[in-house]
């Protein structure tokens, strides 16, 4: 679910005191994008998924990143396909709770 090695790298990069702030800012930004995902225009979904994929990977949410990668790939081969937004949101909600506890 969470790449704890990545969290440790972040802890070393920003320091123990600032890790909680980094996680908080990350969650605020991710929450905003997640909240608007259902209402995203179909032509904007690939870029939103790409953003979510990279952001999640950067902070160590490997499962969320992988789901976004799969859905982004699906859209690249079938632009009229549907995205499993519920799965992405569910994975993020679970990971977010763990992530916050690590900060």
PDB file of N, CA and C in Angstrom:
ATOM      1  N   UNK A   1       0.827  -1.189   0.000  1.00  0.00           N
ATOM      2  CA  UNK A   1       0.000   0.000   0.000  1.00  0.00           C
ATOM      3  C   UNK A   1       0.873   1.255   0.000  1.00  0.00           C
ATOM      4  N   UNK A   2       1.730   1.375   0.999  1.00  0.00           N
ATOM      5  CA  UNK A   2       2.613   2.542   1.096  1.00  0.00           C
ATOM      6  C   UNK A   2       4.057   2.066   1.082  1.00  0.00           C
ATOM      7  N   UNK A   3       4.836   2.749   0.278  1.00  0.00           N
ATOM      8  CA  UNK A   3       6.259   2.460   0.188  1.00  0.00           C
ATOM      9  C   UNK A   3       6.943   3.170   1.362  1.00  0.00           C
ATOM     10  N   UNK A   4       7.175   2.429   2.428  1.00  0.00           N
ATOM     11  CA  UNK A   4       7.748   3.044   3.624  1.00  0.00           C
ATOM     12  C   UNK A   4       9.179   3.516   3.402  1.00  0.00           C
ATOM     13  N   UNK A   5       9.864   2.917   2.448  1.00  0.00           N
ATOM     14  CA  UNK A   5      11.216   3.398   2.118  1.00  0.00           C
ATOM     15  C   UNK A   5      11.143   4.823   1.568  1.00  0.00           C
ATOM     16  N   UNK A   6      10.117   5.087   0.765  1.00  0.00           N
ATOM     17  CA  UNK A   6       9.954   6.438   0.216  1.00  0.00           C
ATOM     18  C   UNK A   6       9.627   7.431   1.327  1.00  0.00           C
ATOM     19  N   UNK A   7       8.801   7.018   2.276  1.00  0.00           N
ATOM     20  CA  UNK A   7       8.485   7.893   3.409  1.00  0.00           C
ATOM     21  C   UNK A   7       9.749   8.199   4.198  1.00  0.00           C
ATOM     22  N   UNK A   8      10.586   7.212   4.394  1.00  0.00           N
ATOM     23  CA  UNK A   8      11.843   7.428   5.108  1.00  0.00           C
ATOM     24  C   UNK A   8      12.750   8.385   4.335  1.00  0.00           C
ATOM     25  N   UNK A   9      12.800   8.232   3.011  1.00  0.00           N
ATOM     26  CA  UNK A   9      13.590   9.163   2.187  1.00  0.00           C
ATOM     27  C   UNK A   9      13.075  10.587   2.364  1.00  0.00           C
ATOM     28  N   UNK A  10      11.759  10.748   2.327  1.00  0.00           N
ATOM     29  CA  UNK A  10      11.179  12.086   2.519  1.00  0.00           C
ATOM     30  C   UNK A  10      11.518  12.630   3.904  1.00  0.00           C
ATOM     31  N   UNK A  11      11.436  11.773   4.899  1.00  0.00           N
ATOM     32  CA  UNK A  11      11.762  12.178   6.264  1.00  0.00           C
ATOM     33  C   UNK A  11      13.205  12.698   6.330  1.00  0.00           C
ATOM     34  N   UNK A  12      14.100  12.009   5.650  1.00  0.00           N
ATOM     35  CA  UNK A  12      15.506  12.433   5.634  1.00  0.00           C
ATOM     36  C   UNK A  12      15.700  13.711   4.826  1.00  0.00           C
ATOM     37  N   UNK A  13      14.913  13.867   3.741  1.00  0.00           N
ATOM     38  CA  UNK A  13      15.044  15.057   2.894  1.00  0.00           C
ATOM     39  C   UNK A  13      14.522  16.318   3.568  1.00  0.00           C
ATOM     40  N   UNK A  14      13.338  16.228   4.184  1.00  0.00           N
ATOM     41  CA  UNK A  14      12.700  17.430   4.719  1.00  0.00           C
ATOM     42  C   UNK A  14      12.820  17.555   6.230  1.00  0.00           C
ATOM     43  N   UNK A  15      13.192  16.481   6.870  1.00  0.00           N
ATOM     44  CA  UNK A  15      13.291  16.499   8.327  1.00  0.00           C
ATOM     45  C   UNK A  15      12.000  16.017   8.965  1.00  0.00           C
ATOM     46  N   UNK A  16      12.149  15.517  10.156  1.00  0.00           N
ATOM     47  CA  UNK A  16      11.010  14.948  10.892  1.00  0.00           C
ATOM     48  C   UNK A  16       9.902  15.971  11.095  1.00  0.00           C
ATOM     49  N   UNK A  17      10.279  17.187  11.456  1.00  0.00           N
ATOM     50  CA  UNK A  17       9.283  18.212  11.760  1.00  0.00           C
ATOM     51  C   UNK A  17       8.450  18.614  10.546  1.00  0.00           C
ATOM     52  N   UNK A  18       9.065  18.627   9.366  1.00  0.00           N
ATOM     53  CA  UNK A  18       8.359  19.092   8.178  1.00  0.00           C
ATOM     54  C   UNK A  18       7.621  17.978   7.428  1.00  0.00           C
ATOM     55  N   UNK A  19       7.872  16.731   7.788  1.00  0.00           N
ATOM     56  CA  UNK A  19       7.212  15.629   7.090  1.00  0.00           C
ATOM     57  C   UNK A  19       5.699  15.704   7.232  1.00  0.00           C
ATOM     58  N   UNK A  20       5.216  16.001   8.418  1.00  0.00           N
ATOM     59  CA  UNK A  20       3.768  16.102   8.631  1.00  0.00           C
ATOM     60  C   UNK A  20       3.169  17.195   7.752  1.00  0.00           C
ATOM     61  N   UNK A  21       3.883  18.296   7.587  1.00  0.00           N
ATOM     62  CA  UNK A  21       3.385  19.384   6.743  1.00  0.00           C
ATOM     63  C   UNK A  21       3.363  18.968   5.274  1.00  0.00           C
ATOM     64  N   UNK A  22       4.402  18.272   4.833  1.00  0.00           N
ATOM     65  CA  UNK A  22       4.455  17.784   3.451  1.00  0.00           C
ATOM     66  C   UNK A  22       3.277  16.840   3.194  1.00  0.00           C
ATOM     67  N   UNK A  23       3.029  15.941   4.134  1.00  0.00           N
ATOM     68  CA  UNK A  23       1.928  14.997   3.989  1.00  0.00           C
ATOM     69  C   UNK A  23       0.591  15.728   3.980  1.00  0.00           C
ATOM     70  N   UNK A  24       0.443  16.708   4.838  1.00  0.00           N
ATOM     71  CA  UNK A  24      -0.798  17.484   4.897  1.00  0.00           C
ATOM     72  C   UNK A  24      -1.059  18.224   3.581  1.00  0.00           C
ATOM     73  N   UNK A  25      -0.033  18.866   3.054  1.00  0.00           N
ATOM     74  CA  UNK A  25      -0.185  19.582   1.784  1.00  0.00           C
ATOM     75  C   UNK A  25      -0.489  18.621   0.643  1.00  0.00           C
ATOM     76  N   UNK A  26       0.182  17.478   0.641  1.00  0.00           N
ATOM     77  CA  UNK A  26      -0.074  16.455  -0.367  1.00  0.00           C
ATOM     78  C   UNK A  26      -1.534  16.020  -0.315  1.00  0.00           C
ATOM     79  N   UNK A  27      -2.028  15.724   0.884  1.00  0.00           N
ATOM     80  CA  UNK A  27      -3.398  15.252   1.035  1.00  0.00           C
ATOM     81  C   UNK A  27      -4.411  16.312   0.606  1.00  0.00           C
ATOM     82  N   UNK A  28      -4.154  17.561   0.930  1.00  0.00           N
ATOM     83  CA  UNK A  28      -5.054  18.638   0.503  1.00  0.00           C
ATOM     84  C   UNK A  28      -5.164  18.685  -1.019  1.00  0.00           C
ATOM     85  N   UNK A  29      -4.025  18.617  -1.686  1.00  0.00           N
ATOM     86  CA  UNK A  29      -4.017  18.679  -3.147  1.00  0.00           C
ATOM     87  C   UNK A  29      -4.675  17.442  -3.751  1.00  0.00           C
ATOM     88  N   UNK A  30      -4.358  16.281  -3.218  1.00  0.00           N
ATOM     89  CA  UNK A  30      -4.951  15.043  -3.726  1.00  0.00           C
ATOM     90  C   UNK A  30      -6.457  15.018  -3.476  1.00  0.00           C
ATOM     91  N   UNK A  31      -6.891  15.463  -2.300  1.00  0.00           N
ATOM     92  CA  UNK A  31      -8.321  15.499  -1.989  1.00  0.00           C
ATOM     93  C   UNK A  31      -9.073  16.360  -2.996  1.00  0.00           C
ATOM     94  N   UNK A  32      -8.482  17.493  -3.325  1.00  0.00           N
ATOM     95  CA  UNK A  32      -9.128  18.407  -4.279  1.00  0.00           C
ATOM     96  C   UNK A  32      -9.293  17.749  -5.650  1.00  0.00           C
ATOM     97  N   UNK A  33      -8.241  17.114  -6.123  1.00  0.00           N
ATOM     98  CA  UNK A  33      -8.308  16.452  -7.430  1.00  0.00           C
ATOM     99  C   UNK A  33      -9.256  15.262  -7.371  1.00  0.00           C
ATOM    100  N   UNK A  34      -9.179  14.478  -6.309  1.00  0.00           N
ATOM    101  CA  UNK A  34     -10.065  13.312  -6.165  1.00  0.00           C
ATOM    102  C   UNK A  34     -11.524  13.737  -6.128  1.00  0.00           C
ATOM    103  N   UNK A  35     -11.817  14.815  -5.397  1.00  0.00           N
ATOM    104  CA  UNK A  35     -13.198  15.285  -5.291  1.00  0.00           C
ATOM    105  C   UNK A  35     -13.790  15.677  -6.640  1.00  0.00           C
ATOM    106  N   UNK A  36     -12.971  16.164  -7.529  1.00  0.00           N
ATOM    107  CA  UNK A  36     -13.466  16.596  -8.830  1.00  0.00           C
ATOM    108  C   UNK A  36     -13.326  15.569  -9.935  1.00  0.00           C
ATOM    109  N   UNK A  37     -12.846  14.391  -9.602  1.00  0.00           N
ATOM    110  CA  UNK A  37     -12.545  13.395 -10.628  1.00  0.00           C
ATOM    111  C   UNK A  37     -13.785  12.957 -11.414  1.00  0.00           C
ATOM    112  N   UNK A  38     -14.902  12.758 -10.724  1.00  0.00           N
ATOM    113  CA  UNK A  38     -16.124  12.318 -11.426  1.00  0.00           C
ATOM    114  C   UNK A  38     -16.620  13.358 -12.429  1.00  0.00           C
ATOM    115  N   UNK A  39     -16.352  14.606 -12.160  1.00  0.00           N
ATOM    116  CA  UNK A  39     -16.844  15.679 -13.025  1.00  0.00           C
ATOM    117  C   UNK A  39     -15.811  16.149 -14.044  1.00  0.00           C
ATOM    118  N   UNK A  40     -14.718  15.431 -14.144  1.00  0.00           N
ATOM    119  CA  UNK A  40     -13.672  15.798 -15.088  1.00  0.00           C
ATOM    120  C   UNK A  40     -14.111  15.455 -16.501  1.00  0.00           C
ATOM    121  N   UNK A  41     -13.915  16.381 -17.406  1.00  0.00           N
ATOM    122  CA  UNK A  41     -14.244  16.130 -18.815  1.00  0.00           C
ATOM    123  C   UNK A  41     -13.416  14.961 -19.327  1.00  0.00           C
ATOM    124  N   UNK A  42     -14.007  14.110 -20.148  1.00  0.00           N
ATOM    125  CA  UNK A  42     -13.292  12.922 -20.644  1.00  0.00           C
ATOM    126  C   UNK A  42     -11.928  13.234 -21.261  1.00  0.00           C
ATOM    127  N   UNK A  43     -11.815  14.352 -21.968  1.00  0.00           N
ATOM    128  CA  UNK A  43     -10.531  14.676 -22.588  1.00  0.00           C
ATOM    129  C   UNK A  43      -9.483  15.137 -21.568  1.00  0.00           C
ATOM    130  N   UNK A  44      -9.922  15.449 -20.351  1.00  0.00           N
ATOM    131  CA  UNK A  44      -8.998  15.870 -19.288  1.00  0.00           C
ATOM    132  C   UNK A  44      -8.602  14.739 -18.347  1.00  0.00           C
ATOM    133  N   UNK A  45      -9.319  13.609 -18.431  1.00  0.00           N
ATOM    134  CA  UNK A  45      -9.033  12.493 -17.527  1.00  0.00           C
ATOM    135  C   UNK A  45      -7.600  11.972 -17.634  1.00  0.00           C
ATOM    136  N   UNK A  46      -7.056  11.786 -18.834  1.00  0.00           N
ATOM    137  CA  UNK A  46      -5.680  11.288 -18.892  1.00  0.00           C
ATOM    138  C   UNK A  46      -4.683  12.181 -18.138  1.00  0.00           C
ATOM    139  N   UNK A  47      -4.820  13.478 -18.265  1.00  0.00           N
ATOM    140  CA  UNK A  47      -3.877  14.365 -17.579  1.00  0.00           C
ATOM    141  C   UNK A  47      -4.103  14.348 -16.067  1.00  0.00           C
ATOM    142  N   UNK A  48      -5.338  14.237 -15.632  1.00  0.00           N
ATOM    143  CA  UNK A  48      -5.612  14.143 -14.196  1.00  0.00           C
ATOM    144  C   UNK A  48      -5.042  12.848 -13.624  1.00  0.00           C
ATOM    145  N   UNK A  49      -5.250  11.758 -14.353  1.00  0.00           N
ATOM    146  CA  UNK A  49      -4.712  10.474 -13.906  1.00  0.00           C
ATOM    147  C   UNK A  49      -3.193  10.503 -13.871  1.00  0.00           C
ATOM    148  N   UNK A  50      -2.593  11.155 -14.849  1.00  0.00           N
ATOM    149  CA  UNK A  50      -1.138  11.276 -14.892  1.00  0.00           C
ATOM    150  C   UNK A  50      -0.637  12.065 -13.682  1.00  0.00           C
ATOM    151  N   UNK A  51      -1.324  13.146 -13.372  1.00  0.00           N
ATOM    152  CA  UNK A  51      -0.967  13.957 -12.202  1.00  0.00           C
ATOM    153  C   UNK A  51      -1.073  13.131 -10.924  1.00  0.00           C
ATOM    154  N   UNK A  52      -2.201  12.431 -10.764  1.00  0.00           N
ATOM    155  CA  UNK A  52      -2.405  11.613  -9.573  1.00  0.00           C
ATOM    156  C   UNK A  52      -1.359  10.508  -9.466  1.00  0.00           C
ATOM    157  N   UNK A  53      -1.060   9.892 -10.608  1.00  0.00           N
ATOM    158  CA  UNK A  53      -0.060   8.818 -10.638  1.00  0.00           C
ATOM    159  C   UNK A  53       1.288   9.321 -10.142  1.00  0.00           C
ATOM    160  N   UNK A  54       1.743  10.418 -10.678  1.00  0.00           N
ATOM    161  CA  UNK A  54       3.045  10.969 -10.292  1.00  0.00           C
ATOM    162  C   UNK A  54       3.081  11.454  -8.863  1.00  0.00           C
ATOM    163  N   UNK A  55       2.019  12.121  -8.446  1.00  0.00           N
ATOM    164  CA  UNK A  55       1.962  12.622  -7.071  1.00  0.00           C
ATOM    165  C   UNK A  55       1.976  11.475  -6.070  1.00  0.00           C
ATOM    166  N   UNK A  56       1.166  10.465  -6.342  1.00  0.00           N
ATOM    167  CA  UNK A  56       1.104   9.311  -5.447  1.00  0.00           C
ATOM    168  C   UNK A  56       2.451   8.597  -5.387  1.00  0.00           C
ATOM    169  N   UNK A  57       3.079   8.436  -6.519  1.00  0.00           N
ATOM    170  CA  UNK A  57       4.380   7.765  -6.563  1.00  0.00           C
ATOM    171  C   UNK A  57       5.429   8.570  -5.803  1.00  0.00           C
ATOM    172  N   UNK A  58       5.377   9.871  -5.928  1.00  0.00           N
ATOM    173  CA  UNK A  58       6.351  10.748  -5.276  1.00  0.00           C
ATOM    174  C   UNK A  58       6.321  10.623  -3.756  1.00  0.00           C
ATOM    175  N   UNK A  59       5.140  10.373  -3.206  1.00  0.00           N
ATOM    176  CA  UNK A  59       5.062  10.306  -1.743  1.00  0.00           C
ATOM    177  C   UNK A  59       5.007   8.871  -1.231  1.00  0.00           C
ATOM    178  N   UNK A  60       4.979   7.920  -2.147  1.00  0.00           N
ATOM    179  CA  UNK A  60       5.058   6.520  -1.729  1.00  0.00           C
ATOM    180  C   UNK A  60       3.753   5.754  -1.727  1.00  0.00           C
ATOM    181  N   UNK A  61       2.709   6.302  -2.350  1.00  0.00           N
ATOM    182  CA  UNK A  61       1.436   5.578  -2.441  1.00  0.00           C
ATOM    183  C   UNK A  61       1.454   4.730  -3.714  1.00  0.00           C
ATOM    184  N   UNK A  62       2.211   3.662  -3.652  1.00  0.00           N
ATOM    185  CA  UNK A  62       2.453   2.842  -4.837  1.00  0.00           C
ATOM    186  C   UNK A  62       1.186   2.223  -5.411  1.00  0.00           C
ATOM    187  N   UNK A  63       0.277   1.756  -4.559  1.00  0.00           N
ATOM    188  CA  UNK A  63      -0.960   1.146  -5.064  1.00  0.00           C
ATOM    189  C   UNK A  63      -1.827   2.164  -5.800  1.00  0.00           C
ATOM    190  N   UNK A  64      -1.937   3.350  -5.253  1.00  0.00           N
ATOM    191  CA  UNK A  64      -2.720   4.403  -5.898  1.00  0.00           C
ATOM    192  C   UNK A  64      -2.084   4.771  -7.238  1.00  0.00           C
ATOM    193  N   UNK A  65      -0.782   4.916  -7.227  1.00  0.00           N
ATOM    194  CA  UNK A  65      -0.058   5.247  -8.453  1.00  0.00           C
ATOM    195  C   UNK A  65      -0.278   4.182  -9.521  1.00  0.00           C
ATOM    196  N   UNK A  66      -0.223   2.928  -9.121  1.00  0.00           N
ATOM    197  CA  UNK A  66      -0.393   1.829 -10.072  1.00  0.00           C
ATOM    198  C   UNK A  66      -1.814   1.804 -10.645  1.00  0.00           C
ATOM    199  N   UNK A  67      -2.810   2.028  -9.817  1.00  0.00           N
ATOM    200  CA  UNK A  67      -4.186   2.087 -10.326  1.00  0.00           C
ATOM    201  C   UNK A  67      -4.346   3.212 -11.348  1.00  0.00           C
ATOM    202  N   UNK A  68      -3.773   4.360 -11.043  1.00  0.00           N
ATOM    203  CA  UNK A  68      -3.848   5.489 -11.976  1.00  0.00           C
ATOM    204  C   UNK A  68      -3.108   5.168 -13.276  1.00  0.00           C
ATOM    205  N   UNK A  69      -1.975   4.479 -13.168  1.00  0.00           N
ATOM    206  CA  UNK A  69      -1.219   4.094 -14.360  1.00  0.00           C
ATOM    207  C   UNK A  69      -2.050   3.161 -15.244  1.00  0.00           C
ATOM    208  N   UNK A  70      -2.693   2.207 -14.626  1.00  0.00           N
ATOM    209  CA  UNK A  70      -3.520   1.252 -15.373  1.00  0.00           C
ATOM    210  C   UNK A  70      -4.668   1.971 -16.067  1.00  0.00           C
ATOM    211  N   UNK A  71      -5.335   2.857 -15.360  1.00  0.00           N
ATOM    212  CA  UNK A  71      -6.463   3.578 -15.951  1.00  0.00           C
ATOM    213  C   UNK A  71      -5.999   4.551 -17.039  1.00  0.00           C
ATOM    214  N   UNK A  72      -4.861   5.174 -16.817  1.00  0.00           N
ATOM    215  CA  UNK A  72      -4.293   6.074 -17.835  1.00  0.00           C
ATOM    216  C   UNK A  72      -3.959   5.284 -19.097  1.00  0.00           C
ATOM    217  N   UNK A  73      -3.377   4.118 -18.932  1.00  0.00           N
ATOM    218  CA  UNK A  73      -3.054   3.253 -20.067  1.00  0.00           C
ATOM    219  C   UNK A  73      -4.322   2.797 -20.788  1.00  0.00           C
ATOM    220  N   UNK A  74      -5.333   2.435 -20.018  1.00  0.00           N
ATOM    221  CA  UNK A  74      -6.604   2.022 -20.614  1.00  0.00           C
ATOM    222  C   UNK A  74      -7.177   3.131 -21.500  1.00  0.00           C
ATOM    223  N   UNK A  75      -7.125   4.361 -21.004  1.00  0.00           N
ATOM    224  CA  UNK A  75      -7.649   5.482 -21.797  1.00  0.00           C
ATOM    225  C   UNK A  75      -6.808   5.754 -23.036  1.00  0.00           C
ATOM    226  N   UNK A  76      -5.525   5.438 -22.966  1.00  0.00           N
ATOM    227  CA  UNK A  76      -4.671   5.681 -24.142  1.00  0.00           C
ATOM    228  C   UNK A  76      -4.992   4.705 -25.269  1.00  0.00           C
ATOM    229  N   UNK A  77      -5.569   3.564 -24.924  1.00  0.00           N
ATOM    230  CA  UNK A  77      -5.930   2.586 -25.953  1.00  0.00           C
ATOM    231  C   UNK A  77      -7.416   2.622 -26.286  1.00  0.00           C
ATOM    232  N   UNK A  78      -8.212   3.213 -25.400  1.00  0.00           N
ATOM    233  CA  UNK A  78      -9.659   3.325 -25.623  1.00  0.00           C
ATOM    234  C   UNK A  78     -10.140   4.633 -25.020  1.00  0.00           C
ATOM    235  N   UNK A  79     -10.074   5.689 -25.797  1.00  0.00           N
ATOM    236  CA  UNK A  79     -10.383   7.022 -25.285  1.00  0.00           C
ATOM    237  C   UNK A  79     -11.828   7.167 -24.822  1.00  0.00           C
ATOM    238  N   UNK A  80     -12.693   6.275 -25.226  1.00  0.00           N
ATOM    239  CA  UNK A  80     -14.088   6.332 -24.805  1.00  0.00           C
ATOM    240  C   UNK A  80     -14.368   5.361 -23.650  1.00  0.00           C
ATOM    241  N   UNK A  81     -13.320   4.720 -23.161  1.00  0.00           N
ATOM    242  CA  UNK A  81     -13.468   3.764 -22.068  1.00  0.00           C
ATOM    243  C   UNK A  81     -13.810   4.459 -20.761  1.00  0.00           C
ATOM    244  N   UNK A  82     -14.206   3.662 -19.803  1.00  0.00           N
ATOM    245  CA  UNK A  82     -14.535   4.209 -18.494  1.00  0.00           C
ATOM    246  C   UNK A  82     -13.361   4.012 -17.543  1.00  0.00           C
ATOM    247  N   UNK A  83     -13.292   4.883 -16.579  1.00  0.00           N
ATOM    248  CA  UNK A  83     -12.230   4.847 -15.579  1.00  0.00           C
ATOM    249  C   UNK A  83     -12.854   4.386 -14.259  1.00  0.00           C
ATOM    250  N   UNK A  84     -12.181   3.470 -13.589  1.00  0.00           N
ATOM    251  CA  UNK A  84     -12.671   2.982 -12.305  1.00  0.00           C
ATOM    252  C   UNK A  84     -12.286   3.972 -11.208  1.00  0.00           C
ATOM    253  N   UNK A  85     -13.001   5.075 -11.184  1.00  0.00           N
ATOM    254  CA  UNK A  85     -12.730   6.146 -10.229  1.00  0.00           C
ATOM    255  C   UNK A  85     -12.945   5.661  -8.797  1.00  0.00           C
ATOM    256  N   UNK A  86     -13.951   4.825  -8.597  1.00  0.00           N
ATOM    257  CA  UNK A  86     -14.238   4.324  -7.252  1.00  0.00           C
ATOM    258  C   UNK A  86     -13.049   3.548  -6.686  1.00  0.00           C
ATOM    259  N   UNK A  87     -12.406   2.745  -7.512  1.00  0.00           N
ATOM    260  CA  UNK A  87     -11.248   1.969  -7.049  1.00  0.00           C
ATOM    261  C   UNK A  87     -10.093   2.888  -6.670  1.00  0.00           C
ATOM    262  N   UNK A  88      -9.864   3.915  -7.470  1.00  0.00           N
ATOM    263  CA  UNK A  88      -8.783   4.869  -7.192  1.00  0.00           C
ATOM    264  C   UNK A  88      -9.064   5.610  -5.890  1.00  0.00           C
ATOM    265  N   UNK A  89     -10.299   6.087  -5.734  1.00  0.00           N
ATOM    266  CA  UNK A  89     -10.659   6.823  -4.525  1.00  0.00           C
ATOM    267  C   UNK A  89     -10.587   5.943  -3.281  1.00  0.00           C
ATOM    268  N   UNK A  90     -11.000   4.706  -3.415  1.00  0.00           N
ATOM    269  CA  UNK A  90     -10.959   3.781  -2.293  1.00  0.00           C
ATOM    270  C   UNK A  90      -9.519   3.501  -1.871  1.00  0.00           C
ATOM    271  N   UNK A  91      -8.663   3.235  -2.838  1.00  0.00           N
ATOM    272  CA  UNK A  91      -7.256   2.969  -2.540  1.00  0.00           C
ATOM    273  C   UNK A  91      -6.608   4.192  -1.891  1.00  0.00           C
ATOM    274  N   UNK A  92      -6.941   5.370  -2.396  1.00  0.00           N
ATOM    275  CA  UNK A  92      -6.386   6.595  -1.827  1.00  0.00           C
ATOM    276  C   UNK A  92      -6.872   6.802  -0.392  1.00  0.00           C
ATOM    277  N   UNK A  93      -8.158   6.586  -0.143  1.00  0.00           N
ATOM    278  CA  UNK A  93      -8.709   6.784   1.207  1.00  0.00           C
ATOM    279  C   UNK A  93      -8.020   5.877   2.220  1.00  0.00           C
ATOM    280  N   UNK A  94      -7.791   4.625   1.851  1.00  0.00           N
ATOM    281  CA  UNK A  94      -7.111   3.685   2.747  1.00  0.00           C
ATOM    282  C   UNK A  94      -5.658   4.109   2.974  1.00  0.00           C
ATOM    283  N   UNK A  95      -4.991   4.452   1.893  1.00  0.00           N
ATOM    284  CA  UNK A  95      -3.578   4.833   1.993  1.00  0.00           C
ATOM    285  C   UNK A  95      -3.415   6.147   2.754  1.00  0.00           C
ATOM    286  N   UNK A  96      -4.354   7.049   2.575  1.00  0.00           N
ATOM    287  CA  UNK A  96      -4.272   8.355   3.234  1.00  0.00           C
ATOM    288  C   UNK A  96      -4.252   8.207   4.751  1.00  0.00           C
ATOM    289  N   UNK A  97      -5.090   7.335   5.280  1.00  0.00           N
ATOM    290  CA  UNK A  97      -5.129   7.136   6.718  1.00  0.00           C
ATOM    291  C   UNK A  97      -3.785   6.630   7.248  1.00  0.00           C
ATOM    292  N   UNK A  98      -3.196   5.690   6.530  1.00  0.00           N
ATOM    293  CA  UNK A  98      -1.906   5.163   6.939  1.00  0.00           C
ATOM    294  C   UNK A  98      -0.826   6.241   6.796  1.00  0.00           C
ATOM    295  N   UNK A  99      -0.877   6.963   5.682  1.00  0.00           N
ATOM    296  CA  UNK A  99       0.096   8.017   5.424  1.00  0.00           C
ATOM    297  C   UNK A  99       0.093   9.068   6.531  1.00  0.00           C
ATOM    298  N   UNK A 100      -1.096   9.498   6.932  1.00  0.00           N
ATOM    299  CA  UNK A 100      -1.206  10.507   7.981  1.00  0.00           C
ATOM    300  C   UNK A 100      -0.617   9.989   9.287  1.00  0.00           C
ATOM    301  N   UNK A 101      -0.824   8.719   9.556  1.00  0.00           N
ATOM    302  CA  UNK A 101      -0.277   8.152  10.804  1.00  0.00           C
ATOM    303  C   UNK A 101       1.249   8.101  10.787  1.00  0.00           C
ATOM    304  N   UNK A 102       1.832   8.073   9.597  1.00  0.00           N
ATOM    305  CA  UNK A 102       3.300   8.028   9.477  1.00  0.00           C
ATOM    306  C   UNK A 102       3.930   9.412   9.614  1.00  0.00           C
ATOM    307  N   UNK A 103       3.121  10.441   9.420  1.00  0.00           N
ATOM    308  CA  UNK A 103       3.642  11.809   9.470  1.00  0.00           C
ATOM    309  C   UNK A 103       3.624  12.340  10.847  1.00  0.00           C
TER     310      UNK A 103
END
